Amino acid sequence: MDASLVLIVSACVFLAIGVPVAFALGLSTATTLILAENYPLMVLLKETFTGIDSFPLMAVPFFILAAELMSGGSLTEVLLRFAGQFVGHRRGGLGYTNVVSLTFFSGISGSALADAAGPGSMLIKMMDKAGYDRSYAAALTASTAIVGPIIPPSIIMIIYALQDETVSVGTLFAAGILPGILIAVAMCLVNFYVSKKRNYKGDGQTPPLREILITTWKAIPAILLPVVILGGMRAGWFTPTEASVVAVFYALVCGKFVYRTLEWKALPDILSRSALLSASVLIIIGLSASFAWILTIEGIPQQMAEWLIGMNLSPWMFLIIVNIFLLLFGIFIEPLPGVMVLAPILAPVAVKLGVDPVHFAMIVIFNLTLGMITPPVGGLLFVTCNVSKVPMTELVKELVPFLWAHGAVLLILTFVPALSTWLPHTLGFK
């Protein structure tokens, strides 16, 4: 029995009946090993362990812990006040505050789900009390949380760099800054249009200059975390993995000694939440690695590469086809397993066609991340519906203008490579 056929068909079946993606990949791998009889079942355990047996991957749990420590240190409230003082008085002010706050928080969490479940839930409640439609607040939060994996530090960028040796974690971190800002601007433009149409008003007053200066001063330590990470990596003071440990100590110092809101008694809960989230990420990575191993052994990546190269596509036509494919693929597969499976297949083809590997990496990452807000599998939709208590149908209806805005950003990102490559090259990342 053909192993690759069994693998793909069984994965589709498991996904269709609602099995979580990570376990669908693991079960389809086990099914293939049993039915195809080409490989021993022990391969599943071996390759799952091998998939997470990586020193650079240690950065993932440490960045997760750093984000939890910052949240436990009342960072969310600090960033909310900082963002709100600049935009809260304008029409649609709380919508802008939502976008700006989540953009700043994304420089700490590296996770869209963490942004939506943490500060996002608080912002939805604030917008609801201020007279915004709750479904609109939820849609804005889910759409803006997409910035989480784009602005550094980013878990998905770490995973991508492990799959494609032509790019480094530091390079991808730097490459995500401008696209992340562009996404935030696009969300603000949608909020401007909707707020004007629905007459969502601001609070009508700008804080006094003294209050602005005090709030900004308090927010500086939190805002500097991404700067410390990128700056230290660029200066050669530490590697990405070491940077994640530095981020933990920085977050601990900020929460306990700068903001003085982090209590020692809260650490066990913070550590347990970090451990659970890290475990869920590592399970996805490990089982995706075993799935990808069978694809590789069966020669699927090589066959796809030869087929794509044989089509004699121009680099731009290749990127258009990849965008369409990834948008469809991302509807059903979460970003992390998507990167694990597709990056080793598509990245070498992109390089052979002359596409800059950093530019291509950002296209893949943004594309797959968009799948988090597209039904039926979009993880962000379920998290946001849960924290906002908004029905899925109402949320999806409000998402339409945001999806158009994301589509426009994707086109710009695709056809303006400098948006991804200029900053890494300027900062000296290779």
Protein backbone atom coordinates (compact mmCIF):
# COMPACT_ATOMS: atom_id res chain seq x y z
CA MET A 1 0.00 0.00 0.00
CA ASP A 2 1.36 3.44 -0.96
CA ALA A 3 2.51 5.12 2.27
CA SER A 4 2.14 8.72 1.08
CA LEU A 5 -1.43 8.09 -0.10
CA VAL A 6 -2.38 6.48 3.22
CA LEU A 7 -0.77 9.35 5.12
CA ILE A 8 -2.59 12.12 3.26
CA VAL A 9 -5.98 10.39 3.10
CA SER A 10 -5.94 9.40 6.79
CA ALA A 11 -4.89 12.94 7.81
CA CYS A 12 -7.82 14.38 5.84
CA VAL A 13 -10.22 11.91 7.43
CA PHE A 14 -9.07 12.66 10.97
CA LEU A 15 -9.28 16.40 10.35
CA ALA A 16 -12.74 16.04 8.79
CA ILE A 17 -14.14 14.28 11.87
CA GLY A 18 -12.83 17.02 14.15
CA VAL A 19 -9.67 15.52 15.62
CA PRO A 20 -7.29 18.32 16.81
CA VAL A 21 -4.64 19.01 14.20
CA ALA A 22 -1.64 17.77 16.21
CA PHE A 23 -3.32 14.47 17.03
CA ALA A 24 -4.67 14.14 13.49
CA LEU A 25 -1.10 14.29 12.20
CA GLY A 26 0.09 11.81 14.84
CA LEU A 27 -2.77 9.36 14.22
CA SER A 28 -2.33 9.56 10.44
CA THR A 29 1.38 8.82 10.90
CA ALA A 30 0.57 5.82 13.09
CA THR A 31 -2.06 4.61 10.60
CA THR A 32 0.47 4.83 7.76
CA LEU A 33 3.13 2.94 9.69
CA ILE A 34 0.64 0.16 10.48
CA LEU A 35 -1.05 -0.19 7.08
CA ALA A 36 1.82 0.56 4.72
CA GLU A 37 4.15 -1.85 6.58
CA ASN A 38 7.20 -0.11 5.12
CA TYR A 39 8.48 1.19 8.43
CA PRO A 40 8.35 0.07 12.06
CA LEU A 41 5.83 1.72 14.37
CA MET A 42 8.75 2.86 16.55
CA VAL A 43 9.36 5.56 13.92
CA LEU A 44 6.47 7.57 15.38
CA LEU A 45 8.10 7.77 18.81
CA LYS A 46 11.61 8.28 17.47
CA GLU A 47 10.75 11.10 15.06
CA THR A 48 8.39 12.79 17.53
CA PHE A 49 11.22 12.96 20.05
CA THR A 50 13.75 13.97 17.40
CA GLY A 51 11.45 16.80 16.33
CA ILE A 52 11.71 18.47 19.74
CA ASP A 53 15.32 17.42 20.47
CA SER A 54 16.72 20.78 19.38
CA PHE A 55 18.70 23.36 21.36
CA PRO A 56 17.24 26.39 19.48
CA LEU A 57 13.77 25.07 20.29
CA MET A 58 14.44 25.75 23.98
CA ALA A 59 13.69 29.39 23.18
CA VAL A 60 9.99 28.59 22.85
CA PRO A 61 9.17 27.74 26.51
CA PHE A 62 11.35 30.59 27.76
CA PHE A 63 9.62 33.20 25.57
CA ILE A 64 6.26 31.80 26.71
CA LEU A 65 7.38 32.12 30.34
CA ALA A 66 8.61 35.68 29.73
CA ALA A 67 5.19 36.65 28.36
CA GLU A 68 3.41 35.06 31.34
CA LEU A 69 5.69 36.89 33.77
CA MET A 70 5.03 40.20 32.04
CA SER A 71 1.28 39.58 32.16
CA GLY A 72 1.49 38.59 35.83
CA GLY A 73 3.30 41.87 36.46
CA SER A 74 0.26 43.93 35.35
CA LEU A 75 1.92 44.77 32.05
CA THR A 76 -1.42 44.67 30.25
CA GLU A 77 -2.78 47.62 32.22
CA VAL A 78 0.43 49.62 31.68
CA LEU A 79 0.31 49.13 27.91
CA LEU A 80 -3.42 49.89 27.78
CA ARG A 81 -2.92 53.23 29.51
CA PHE A 82 0.08 54.02 27.31
CA ALA A 83 -1.78 53.28 24.06
CA GLY A 84 -5.04 54.89 25.17
CA GLN A 85 -3.51 58.26 26.00
CA PHE A 86 -2.59 58.84 22.34
CA VAL A 87 -5.69 57.54 20.56
CA GLY A 88 -8.45 57.07 23.14
CA HIS A 89 -9.92 60.57 22.65
CA ARG A 90 -10.46 60.12 18.90
CA ARG A 91 -13.55 58.76 17.15
CA GLY A 92 -13.30 54.98 17.53
CA GLY A 93 -10.64 55.61 20.18
CA LEU A 94 -11.03 52.31 22.04
CA GLY A 95 -10.71 50.48 18.72
CA TYR A 96 -7.39 52.22 18.10
CA THR A 97 -6.38 51.46 21.67
CA ASN A 98 -7.15 47.81 21.00
CA VAL A 99 -4.90 47.76 17.92
CA VAL A 100 -2.01 49.70 19.47
CA SER A 101 -2.12 47.74 22.75
CA LEU A 102 -2.11 44.34 21.05
CA THR A 103 0.69 45.47 18.73
CA PHE A 104 2.85 46.43 21.72
CA PHE A 105 1.91 43.23 23.56
CA SER A 106 2.83 41.13 20.51
CA GLY A 107 6.42 42.27 21.08
CA ILE A 108 6.31 40.30 24.31
CA SER A 109 4.06 37.27 23.83
CA GLY A 110 4.95 35.98 20.34
CA SER A 111 1.57 34.25 20.26
CA ALA A 112 -1.72 35.35 18.70
CA LEU A 113 -3.74 33.14 21.04
CA ALA A 114 -2.06 34.64 24.12
CA ASP A 115 -2.80 38.16 22.88
CA ALA A 116 -6.47 37.38 22.25
CA ALA A 117 -7.02 35.50 25.51
CA GLY A 118 -5.10 37.98 27.72
CA PRO A 119 -5.24 41.69 26.88
CA GLY A 120 -7.74 40.99 24.08
CA SER A 121 -10.45 39.80 26.47
CA MET A 122 -9.96 42.89 28.64
CA LEU A 123 -10.20 45.20 25.61
CA ILE A 124 -13.39 43.52 24.38
CA LYS A 125 -15.06 44.16 27.75
CA MET A 126 -13.92 47.81 27.72
CA MET A 127 -15.25 48.34 24.19
CA ASP A 128 -18.55 46.66 25.05
CA LYS A 129 -19.07 48.96 28.05
CA ALA A 130 -18.25 52.01 25.89
CA GLY A 131 -21.05 51.20 23.44
CA TYR A 132 -19.23 49.27 20.72
CA ASP A 133 -20.94 46.20 19.28
CA ARG A 134 -19.47 43.27 21.17
CA SER A 135 -19.17 41.24 17.97
CA TYR A 136 -17.21 44.07 16.33
CA ALA A 137 -14.89 44.32 19.33
CA ALA A 138 -14.28 40.56 19.13
CA ALA A 139 -13.61 40.71 15.37
CA LEU A 140 -11.17 43.61 15.78
CA THR A 141 -9.36 41.76 18.56
CA ALA A 142 -9.04 38.51 16.60
CA SER A 143 -7.87 40.35 13.47
CA THR A 144 -5.27 42.40 15.35
CA ALA A 145 -3.99 39.41 17.34
CA ILE A 146 -2.57 38.17 14.03
CA VAL A 147 0.28 40.61 14.69
CA GLY A 148 1.41 38.39 17.61
CA PRO A 149 3.39 35.87 15.51
CA ILE A 150 4.68 38.57 13.13
CA ILE A 151 6.38 41.09 15.46
CA PRO A 152 9.32 39.58 17.41
CA PRO A 153 9.71 37.53 19.45
CA SER A 154 7.72 34.95 17.49
CA ILE A 155 7.36 31.24 18.17
CA ILE A 156 6.47 30.42 14.56
CA MET A 157 9.60 32.24 13.31
CA ILE A 158 11.77 30.09 15.55
CA ILE A 159 10.14 26.96 14.10
CA TYR A 160 10.50 28.25 10.53
CA ALA A 161 14.22 28.95 11.01
CA LEU A 162 14.66 25.35 12.19
CA GLN A 163 13.06 24.09 8.96
CA ASP A 164 14.92 26.42 6.57
CA GLU A 165 18.64 26.77 7.23
CA THR A 166 18.97 29.69 4.78
CA VAL A 167 17.38 32.08 7.30
CA SER A 168 18.20 32.75 10.96
CA VAL A 169 15.91 33.50 13.87
CA GLY A 170 17.39 36.97 14.28
CA THR A 171 16.85 37.78 10.62
CA LEU A 172 13.20 36.71 10.77
CA PHE A 173 12.66 38.66 13.99
CA ALA A 174 13.92 41.82 12.27
CA ALA A 175 11.96 41.04 9.10
CA GLY A 176 8.65 40.88 10.98
CA ILE A 177 8.71 44.41 12.38
CA LEU A 178 7.63 46.41 9.30
CA PRO A 179 4.98 43.88 8.14
CA GLY A 180 3.62 43.83 11.71
CA ILE A 181 3.32 47.61 11.75
CA LEU A 182 1.64 47.53 8.32
CA ILE A 183 -0.94 45.05 9.62
CA ALA A 184 -1.65 47.32 12.60
CA VAL A 185 -2.09 50.32 10.27
CA ALA A 186 -4.51 48.32 8.12
CA MET A 187 -6.56 47.38 11.20
CA CYS A 188 -6.65 51.05 12.23
CA LEU A 189 -7.95 52.03 8.77
CA VAL A 190 -10.77 49.50 9.04
CA ASN A 191 -11.57 50.77 12.54
CA PHE A 192 -11.64 54.35 11.18
CA TYR A 193 -14.15 53.35 8.49
CA VAL A 194 -16.41 51.32 10.79
CA SER A 195 -16.26 53.87 13.65
CA LYS A 196 -17.24 56.69 11.30
CA LYS A 197 -20.07 54.62 9.84
CA ARG A 198 -21.43 53.54 13.24
CA ASN A 199 -20.47 56.74 15.10
CA TYR A 200 -18.29 55.09 17.73
CA LYS A 201 -17.05 58.07 19.75
CA GLY A 202 -13.93 58.56 21.83
CA ASP A 203 -13.82 59.91 25.37
CA GLY A 204 -13.32 63.41 23.92
CA GLN A 205 -10.37 64.54 26.01
CA THR A 206 -6.59 64.31 25.78
CA PRO A 207 -4.74 63.63 29.06
CA PRO A 208 -2.57 66.45 30.48
CA LEU A 209 1.05 66.50 29.31
CA ARG A 210 2.32 65.58 32.77
CA GLU A 211 0.11 62.47 32.86
CA ILE A 212 1.26 61.49 29.34
CA LEU A 213 4.92 61.76 30.37
CA ILE A 214 4.38 59.72 33.54
CA THR A 215 2.45 56.97 31.72
CA THR A 216 5.05 56.85 28.95
CA TRP A 217 7.89 56.63 31.49
CA LYS A 218 6.16 53.69 33.20
CA ALA A 219 5.63 51.89 29.87
CA ILE A 220 9.23 52.21 28.65
CA PRO A 221 10.58 49.08 30.44
CA ALA A 222 7.83 46.93 28.90
CA ILE A 223 8.25 48.39 25.41
CA LEU A 224 12.03 47.88 25.53
CA LEU A 225 11.85 44.06 25.78
CA PRO A 226 11.86 43.47 21.97
CA VAL A 227 14.64 46.07 21.65
CA VAL A 228 16.74 44.23 24.23
CA ILE A 229 16.20 40.92 22.43
CA LEU A 230 16.97 42.16 18.92
CA GLY A 231 19.75 44.51 20.04
CA GLY A 232 21.50 41.83 22.07
CA MET A 233 21.31 39.33 19.22
CA ARG A 234 22.61 41.88 16.72
CA ALA A 235 25.48 42.87 19.01
CA GLY A 236 26.41 39.22 19.45
CA TRP A 237 25.84 39.26 23.19
CA PHE A 238 23.58 36.22 23.06
CA THR A 239 21.99 33.71 20.69
CA PRO A 240 18.19 33.52 20.13
CA THR A 241 17.97 30.74 22.73
CA GLU A 242 20.00 32.74 25.24
CA ALA A 243 17.88 35.79 24.38
CA SER A 244 14.79 33.92 25.55
CA VAL A 245 16.43 33.33 28.96
CA VAL A 246 17.42 37.01 29.12
CA ALA A 247 13.78 37.86 28.37
CA VAL A 248 12.65 35.76 31.35
CA PHE A 249 15.00 37.54 33.76
CA TYR A 250 14.08 40.92 32.25
CA ALA A 251 10.36 40.17 32.69
CA LEU A 252 10.96 38.98 36.26
CA VAL A 253 12.90 42.13 37.18
CA CYS A 254 10.28 44.38 35.54
CA GLY A 255 7.34 42.69 37.25
CA LYS A 256 8.90 42.39 40.71
CA PHE A 257 11.20 45.39 41.07
CA VAL A 258 10.13 47.95 38.43
CA TYR A 259 6.33 47.71 38.46
CA ARG A 260 6.26 45.91 41.84
CA THR A 261 3.06 44.08 40.98
CA LEU A 262 4.43 40.55 40.56
CA GLU A 263 4.03 38.52 43.75
CA TRP A 264 6.26 35.54 44.53
CA LYS A 265 3.16 33.53 45.42
CA ALA A 266 1.92 33.96 41.84
CA LEU A 267 4.96 32.20 40.36
CA PRO A 268 3.66 28.60 40.73
CA ASP A 269 0.54 29.46 38.69
CA ILE A 270 2.63 31.33 36.11
CA LEU A 271 5.04 28.40 35.79
CA SER A 272 2.22 25.87 35.46
CA ARG A 273 0.46 27.91 32.73
CA SER A 274 3.76 28.31 30.89
CA ALA A 275 4.45 24.58 31.17
CA LEU A 276 1.02 23.63 29.80
CA LEU A 277 1.29 26.06 26.89
CA SER A 278 4.85 24.94 26.13
CA ALA A 279 3.77 21.30 26.23
CA SER A 280 0.93 21.94 23.76
CA VAL A 281 3.33 23.69 21.37
CA LEU A 282 5.95 20.92 21.64
CA ILE A 283 3.33 18.21 21.04
CA ILE A 284 2.35 19.95 17.81
CA ILE A 285 5.99 20.27 16.76
CA GLY A 286 6.88 16.67 17.61
CA LEU A 287 3.92 15.02 15.88
CA SER A 288 4.30 17.33 12.88
CA ALA A 289 7.93 16.21 12.63
CA SER A 290 6.94 12.54 12.45
CA PHE A 291 4.35 13.36 9.77
CA ALA A 292 6.92 15.35 7.79
CA TRP A 293 9.45 12.51 8.10
CA ILE A 294 7.23 10.11 6.17
CA LEU A 295 6.60 12.74 3.50
CA THR A 296 10.35 13.24 3.15
CA ILE A 297 11.21 9.53 3.05
CA GLU A 298 8.53 8.97 0.43
CA GLY A 299 10.05 11.75 -1.67
CA ILE A 300 6.99 14.01 -1.72
CA PRO A 301 8.96 17.26 -1.21
CA GLN A 302 11.37 16.35 -4.01
CA GLN A 303 8.54 15.43 -6.37
CA MET A 304 6.66 18.67 -5.64
CA ALA A 305 9.84 20.69 -6.10
CA GLU A 306 10.58 19.07 -9.45
CA TRP A 307 6.99 19.59 -10.58
CA LEU A 308 6.99 23.28 -9.62
CA ILE A 309 10.39 23.93 -11.21
CA GLY A 310 9.32 22.04 -14.32
CA MET A 311 6.43 24.47 -14.81
CA ASN A 312 8.98 27.20 -15.63
CA LEU A 313 7.15 29.73 -13.49
CA SER A 314 8.41 33.26 -13.03
CA PRO A 315 9.16 34.19 -9.40
CA TRP A 316 6.02 36.37 -9.22
CA MET A 317 3.75 33.70 -10.67
CA PHE A 318 5.23 31.19 -8.22
CA LEU A 319 4.46 33.52 -5.31
CA ILE A 320 0.89 34.02 -6.50
CA ILE A 321 0.34 30.24 -6.71
CA VAL A 322 1.96 29.76 -3.28
CA ASN A 323 -0.28 32.45 -1.78
CA ILE A 324 -3.43 30.79 -3.09
CA PHE A 325 -2.26 27.36 -1.95
CA LEU A 326 -1.25 28.56 1.53
CA LEU A 327 -4.50 30.47 2.05
CA LEU A 328 -6.46 27.29 1.28
CA PHE A 329 -4.08 25.10 3.28
CA GLY A 330 -4.22 27.47 6.26
CA ILE A 331 -8.00 27.15 6.48
CA PHE A 332 -7.60 23.57 7.71
CA ILE A 333 -4.13 23.44 9.28
CA GLU A 334 -2.74 25.49 12.16
CA PRO A 335 0.38 27.61 11.52
CA LEU A 336 2.95 25.53 13.43
CA PRO A 337 2.29 22.17 11.73
CA GLY A 338 1.83 24.07 8.47
CA VAL A 339 5.35 25.47 8.72
CA MET A 340 6.77 22.09 9.78
CA VAL A 341 5.27 20.35 6.75
CA LEU A 342 5.47 23.00 4.02
CA ALA A 343 8.62 25.04 4.68
CA PRO A 344 11.02 22.20 3.77
CA ILE A 345 9.05 21.66 0.52
CA LEU A 346 8.50 25.19 -0.72
CA ALA A 347 11.52 27.14 0.58
CA PRO A 348 14.13 25.36 -1.62
CA VAL A 349 11.95 25.90 -4.69
CA ALA A 350 11.63 29.61 -3.89
CA VAL A 351 15.41 29.95 -3.61
CA LYS A 352 15.95 28.17 -6.95
CA LEU A 353 13.51 30.58 -8.61
CA GLY A 354 15.39 33.57 -7.22
CA VAL A 355 13.01 34.57 -4.42
CA ASP A 356 14.75 36.04 -1.38
CA PRO A 357 14.43 33.43 1.43
CA VAL A 358 13.58 36.09 4.06
CA HIS A 359 10.87 37.56 1.82
CA PHE A 360 9.45 34.09 1.19
CA ALA A 361 9.55 33.20 4.89
CA MET A 362 7.43 36.24 5.76
CA ILE A 363 4.89 35.36 3.05
CA VAL A 364 4.57 31.80 4.38
CA ILE A 365 4.33 32.88 8.03
CA PHE A 366 1.74 35.59 7.40
CA ASN A 367 -0.29 33.35 5.10
CA LEU A 368 -0.49 30.47 7.56
CA THR A 369 -1.18 32.85 10.46
CA LEU A 370 -4.18 34.20 8.54
CA GLY A 371 -5.65 30.71 8.80
CA MET A 372 -6.20 31.39 12.48
CA ILE A 373 -9.08 33.76 11.64
CA THR A 374 -10.65 31.78 8.81
CA PRO A 375 -13.33 29.18 9.59
CA PRO A 376 -13.77 26.29 10.12
CA VAL A 377 -10.51 25.55 11.98
CA GLY A 378 -9.32 29.08 12.90
CA GLY A 379 -8.02 28.82 16.45
CA LEU A 380 -8.28 32.53 17.10
CA LEU A 381 -11.98 32.49 16.25
CA PHE A 382 -12.73 29.89 18.92
CA VAL A 383 -10.58 31.62 21.56
CA THR A 384 -12.15 35.01 20.83
CA CYS A 385 -15.69 33.60 20.81
CA ASN A 386 -14.97 31.97 24.17
CA VAL A 387 -13.64 35.10 25.90
CA SER A 388 -16.19 37.47 24.33
CA LYS A 389 -19.26 35.19 24.52
CA VAL A 390 -20.09 36.15 20.92
CA PRO A 391 -21.63 33.51 18.58
CA MET A 392 -19.34 32.37 15.77
CA THR A 393 -21.79 33.51 13.07
CA GLU A 394 -21.81 37.10 14.36
CA LEU A 395 -18.02 37.16 14.70
CA VAL A 396 -17.45 35.88 11.15
CA LYS A 397 -19.89 38.47 9.77
CA GLU A 398 -17.92 41.30 11.40
CA LEU A 399 -14.63 39.85 10.14
CA VAL A 400 -15.29 40.55 6.45
CA PRO A 401 -13.71 44.05 6.20
CA PHE A 402 -10.73 42.91 8.26
CA LEU A 403 -10.14 39.95 5.94
CA TRP A 404 -10.14 42.31 2.95
CA ALA A 405 -7.58 44.48 4.76
CA HIS A 406 -5.40 41.46 5.50
CA GLY A 407 -5.64 40.47 1.84
CA ALA A 408 -4.38 43.92 0.82
CA VAL A 409 -1.47 43.62 3.26
CA LEU A 410 -0.63 40.18 1.84
CA LEU A 411 -0.50 41.60 -1.69
CA ILE A 412 1.79 44.43 -0.57
CA LEU A 413 4.00 41.99 1.33
CA THR A 414 4.19 39.74 -1.74
CA PHE A 415 5.02 42.38 -4.34
CA VAL A 416 7.20 44.67 -2.20
CA PRO A 417 10.06 42.40 -1.00
CA ALA A 418 11.86 45.33 0.65
CA LEU A 419 9.13 45.44 3.28
CA SER A 420 10.55 42.16 4.63
CA THR A 421 14.21 42.44 3.66
CA TRP A 422 15.18 46.08 4.19
CA LEU A 423 15.31 46.16 7.99
CA PRO A 424 17.23 42.86 8.48
CA HIS A 425 19.83 43.98 5.92
CA THR A 426 20.04 47.45 7.46
CA LEU A 427 20.58 46.00 10.93
CA GLY A 428 23.23 43.64 9.59
CA PHE A 429 21.40 40.33 10.08
CA LYS A 430 22.29 37.58 7.58
